């Protein structure tokens, strides 16, 4: 008789997989595992500080940015004195 020792991590993984199978069925778990293997790494969307609204920038301690000056419209160019 061979005595195989199972590590704590393997035991936790086995219980987790058994629980998933019990709750969702073996085919759903298999399909989800295959999709996870096929799917590439997800790209993390980076948000620049300038993309944040002024209220959120203020809440996290960043200086608020004033709205950029608007470009003159055609009407404003013709209405100059």
Protein backbone atom coordinates (compact mmCIF):
# COMPACT_ATOMS: atom_id res chain seq x y z
CA UNK A 1 0.00 0.00 0.00
CA UNK A 2 1.34 3.39 -0.94
CA UNK A 3 0.60 6.25 1.35
CA UNK A 4 0.25 9.51 -0.59
CA UNK A 5 0.33 12.70 1.37
CA UNK A 6 -2.00 15.45 0.15
CA UNK A 7 -0.93 18.99 0.89
CA UNK A 8 -3.31 21.48 2.43
CA UNK A 9 -3.46 23.45 -0.83
CA UNK A 10 -4.44 20.36 -2.80
CA UNK A 11 -7.11 19.50 -0.25
CA UNK A 12 -8.55 23.03 -0.43
CA UNK A 13 -8.51 22.92 -4.23
CA UNK A 14 -10.25 19.56 -4.28
CA UNK A 15 -12.97 20.75 -1.91
CA UNK A 16 -13.41 23.93 -3.96
CA UNK A 17 -13.74 22.03 -7.24
CA UNK A 18 -16.12 19.51 -5.66
CA UNK A 19 -18.24 22.38 -4.35
CA UNK A 20 -18.32 24.06 -7.77
CA UNK A 21 -19.36 20.80 -9.41
CA UNK A 22 -22.05 20.19 -6.80
CA UNK A 23 -23.48 23.69 -7.30
CA UNK A 24 -23.16 24.09 -11.07
CA UNK A 25 -22.67 20.66 -12.59
CA UNK A 26 -19.55 19.10 -14.03
CA UNK A 27 -20.07 20.25 -17.62
CA UNK A 28 -20.46 23.90 -16.67
CA UNK A 29 -17.28 23.69 -14.60
CA UNK A 30 -15.41 21.99 -17.46
CA UNK A 31 -16.61 24.57 -20.01
CA UNK A 32 -15.71 27.44 -17.67
CA UNK A 33 -12.23 25.96 -17.11
CA UNK A 34 -11.65 25.61 -20.86
CA UNK A 35 -12.82 29.18 -21.47
CA UNK A 36 -10.46 30.40 -18.74
CA UNK A 37 -7.53 28.59 -20.37
CA UNK A 38 -8.34 29.87 -23.87
CA UNK A 39 -9.05 33.43 -22.85
CA UNK A 40 -6.01 35.67 -22.98
CA UNK A 41 -4.88 37.94 -20.23
CA UNK A 42 -7.28 40.73 -19.63
CA UNK A 43 -5.90 44.15 -20.24
CA UNK A 44 -6.23 46.50 -17.34
CA UNK A 45 -7.71 49.79 -18.32
CA UNK A 46 -5.55 52.65 -17.15
CA UNK A 47 -7.28 55.83 -16.16
CA UNK A 48 -5.29 59.01 -16.35
CA UNK A 49 -5.80 61.56 -13.57
CA UNK A 50 -6.99 64.09 -16.15
CA UNK A 51 -9.84 61.71 -17.10
CA UNK A 52 -11.35 61.93 -13.61
CA UNK A 53 -14.13 64.42 -12.85
CA UNK A 54 -13.11 67.39 -10.66
CA UNK A 55 -15.15 66.19 -7.66
CA UNK A 56 -13.39 62.79 -7.63
CA UNK A 57 -9.99 64.43 -8.10
CA UNK A 58 -10.72 66.66 -5.10
CA UNK A 59 -11.89 63.68 -3.00
CA UNK A 60 -8.64 61.75 -3.53
CA UNK A 61 -6.45 64.78 -2.95
CA UNK A 62 -5.49 65.73 -6.49
CA UNK A 63 -5.67 69.36 -7.57
CA UNK A 64 -8.75 70.20 -9.58
CA UNK A 65 -8.17 71.16 -13.18
CA UNK A 66 -10.01 74.06 -14.70
CA UNK A 67 -11.81 73.44 -17.95
CA UNK A 68 -9.57 74.19 -20.91
CA UNK A 69 -10.37 77.46 -22.65
CA UNK A 70 -12.88 76.98 -25.38
CA UNK A 71 -11.81 77.58 -28.93
CA UNK A 72 -13.30 80.65 -30.55
CA UNK A 73 -16.23 79.92 -32.78
CA UNK A 74 -16.65 81.35 -36.25
CA UNK A 75 -19.21 83.82 -34.97
CA UNK A 76 -16.84 85.12 -32.29
CA UNK A 77 -14.13 85.73 -34.91
CA UNK A 78 -16.46 87.82 -37.08
CA UNK A 79 -17.86 89.74 -34.12
CA UNK A 80 -14.49 91.08 -32.98
CA UNK A 81 -14.31 94.89 -32.85
